Amino acid sequence: MAIGTRIFAFVVAFAAFIAVGCTGATSSEPIPEAEQPSKPVNPLPPPAPAPEILATFDRLSPSSFPGTSRYVLHKDGSFALEYTTSSGSGPFRYPGRFTRTDSLVQFSFTQSAPAVWVASAVLRRTVLEDHPK
């Protein structure tokens, strides 16, 4: 028998062995179940609901900022000065806390810059006139 014929016969016999050996194969070892992903031990708490809005004041005076701005005051004493650009980016928020005594409103911004940002405003009916310090 020529070498090429022997190799061909070996390949055919090996293929037949594989085909017969794989039909109805059994194992004495149980197949382990797929691992279920574990749940996190300390899941993150749900996000806190946004504070209820007390009032919103749009800026009416001219600004060097190219867009619109407004003060959003919340019932819990927090506020945000929000800017939206005319290009649609933003809003950029500068949060803080506010206090009110009669018509005077004091704003204290919470930010990490070395200088403290504060502002005051006078509430006249539905207009909030701000006076940056």
Protein backbone atom coordinates (compact mmCIF):
# COMPACT_ATOMS: atom_id res chain seq x y z
CA MET A 1 0.00 0.00 0.00
CA ALA A 2 1.37 3.40 -0.89
CA ILE A 3 1.96 6.05 1.78
CA GLY A 4 -0.74 8.35 0.36
CA THR A 5 -3.27 5.51 0.42
CA ARG A 6 -2.36 4.64 4.05
CA ILE A 7 -2.81 8.25 5.18
CA PHE A 8 -6.18 8.43 3.39
CA ALA A 9 -7.30 5.16 5.03
CA PHE A 10 -6.15 6.41 8.45
CA VAL A 11 -8.06 9.69 8.07
CA VAL A 12 -11.24 7.86 7.00
CA ALA A 13 -10.94 5.38 9.89
CA PHE A 14 -10.27 8.17 12.41
CA ALA A 15 -13.27 10.16 11.15
CA ALA A 16 -15.49 7.08 11.46
CA PHE A 17 -14.21 6.45 15.00
CA ILE A 18 -15.00 10.04 16.01
CA ALA A 19 -18.48 9.92 14.45
CA VAL A 20 -19.40 6.60 16.13
CA GLY A 21 -17.82 7.50 19.47
CA CYS A 22 -19.68 10.82 19.80
CA THR A 23 -23.21 9.58 19.23
CA GLY A 24 -24.97 8.95 22.54
CA ALA A 25 -21.96 9.83 24.65
CA THR A 26 -22.50 9.65 28.41
CA SER A 27 -20.53 10.70 31.46
CA SER A 28 -20.58 9.51 35.04
CA GLU A 29 -19.76 13.07 36.20
CA PRO A 30 -22.68 15.50 36.56
CA ILE A 31 -22.46 18.65 34.49
CA PRO A 32 -22.23 21.62 36.85
CA GLU A 33 -24.85 24.34 36.49
CA ALA A 34 -23.76 27.66 35.15
CA GLU A 35 -22.81 30.09 37.90
CA GLN A 36 -25.41 32.74 38.56
CA PRO A 37 -24.03 36.27 38.88
CA SER A 38 -23.92 37.18 42.52
CA LYS A 39 -25.94 40.11 43.78
CA PRO A 40 -23.93 42.99 45.17
CA VAL A 41 -23.48 42.79 48.91
CA ASN A 42 -24.11 46.51 49.46
CA PRO A 43 -26.25 47.82 46.61
CA LEU A 44 -26.20 51.55 46.06
CA PRO A 45 -29.15 53.39 47.59
CA PRO A 46 -31.65 54.85 45.16
CA PRO A 47 -30.90 58.41 44.12
CA ALA A 48 -32.43 61.06 46.32
CA PRO A 49 -35.45 62.73 44.77
CA ALA A 50 -34.88 66.23 43.43
CA PRO A 51 -35.92 68.93 45.89
CA GLU A 52 -39.26 70.59 45.24
CA ILE A 53 -38.97 73.89 43.37
CA LEU A 54 -40.13 76.96 45.28
CA ALA A 55 -39.58 79.55 42.53
CA THR A 56 -37.67 80.17 39.30
CA PHE A 57 -36.37 83.60 38.29
CA ASP A 58 -35.09 84.18 34.74
CA ARG A 59 -32.35 86.75 34.29
CA LEU A 60 -33.61 89.95 32.67
CA SER A 61 -30.50 92.13 32.90
CA PRO A 62 -27.71 92.00 30.32
CA SER A 63 -24.94 89.49 30.88
CA SER A 64 -21.47 88.89 29.46
CA PHE A 65 -22.42 85.21 29.30
CA PRO A 66 -23.69 84.23 25.80
CA GLY A 67 -26.97 82.56 26.72
CA THR A 68 -29.64 82.59 29.37
CA SER A 69 -29.45 82.21 33.12
CA ARG A 70 -31.88 81.74 35.96
CA TYR A 71 -32.05 81.18 39.70
CA VAL A 72 -33.94 78.04 40.74
CA LEU A 73 -34.89 78.14 44.43
CA HIS A 74 -35.98 74.97 46.24
CA LYS A 75 -38.19 74.57 49.28
CA ASP A 76 -35.38 72.92 51.26
CA GLY A 77 -33.25 76.10 51.15
CA SER A 78 -31.01 75.01 48.29
CA PHE A 79 -30.74 76.83 44.97
CA ALA A 80 -28.89 76.72 41.68
CA LEU A 81 -27.81 79.44 39.32
CA GLU A 82 -28.21 77.78 35.91
CA TYR A 83 -26.70 78.91 32.62
CA THR A 84 -27.66 77.62 29.19
CA THR A 85 -25.66 78.68 26.16
CA SER A 86 -27.20 79.75 22.87
CA SER A 87 -25.34 76.82 21.25
CA GLY A 88 -27.41 74.42 23.35
CA SER A 89 -24.68 73.19 25.68
CA GLY A 90 -25.33 73.16 29.39
CA PRO A 91 -27.04 73.87 31.60
CA PHE A 92 -24.15 74.69 33.86
CA ARG A 93 -25.22 74.72 37.49
CA TYR A 94 -23.73 76.62 40.38
CA PRO A 95 -25.49 75.25 43.48
CA GLY A 96 -25.71 76.72 46.95
CA ARG A 97 -27.94 77.58 49.88
CA PHE A 98 -30.13 80.63 50.38
CA THR A 99 -31.81 82.43 53.27
CA ARG A 100 -34.58 85.00 53.16
CA THR A 101 -35.40 87.82 55.56
CA ASP A 102 -38.43 89.81 54.41
CA SER A 103 -37.56 90.83 50.84
CA LEU A 104 -33.78 90.30 51.17
CA VAL A 105 -32.44 87.00 49.83
CA GLN A 106 -28.85 85.93 50.60
CA PHE A 107 -27.13 83.39 48.34
CA SER A 108 -24.09 81.37 49.40
CA PHE A 109 -22.64 79.23 46.62
CA THR A 110 -21.13 75.84 47.39
CA GLN A 111 -17.95 75.49 45.36
CA SER A 112 -14.37 74.50 45.99
CA ALA A 113 -12.60 77.63 44.73
CA PRO A 114 -10.50 79.51 47.27
CA ALA A 115 -12.77 82.57 47.12
CA VAL A 116 -16.22 82.42 48.67
CA TRP A 117 -19.05 83.23 46.29
CA VAL A 118 -21.96 85.13 47.82
CA ALA A 119 -24.70 87.32 46.41
CA SER A 120 -27.75 89.10 47.69
CA ALA A 121 -30.99 90.02 46.01
CA VAL A 122 -34.14 91.94 46.75
CA LEU A 123 -37.49 90.32 46.00
CA ARG A 124 -39.99 92.83 44.55
CA ARG A 125 -43.26 91.12 43.76
CA THR A 126 -42.20 88.62 41.08
CA VAL A 127 -38.77 90.12 40.31
CA LEU A 128 -35.56 89.10 42.03
CA GLU A 129 -32.97 91.89 41.68
CA ASP A 130 -29.57 90.38 42.31
CA HIS A 131 -26.65 92.34 43.73
CA PRO A 132 -23.41 90.30 43.47
CA LYS A 133 -20.86 91.07 46.15
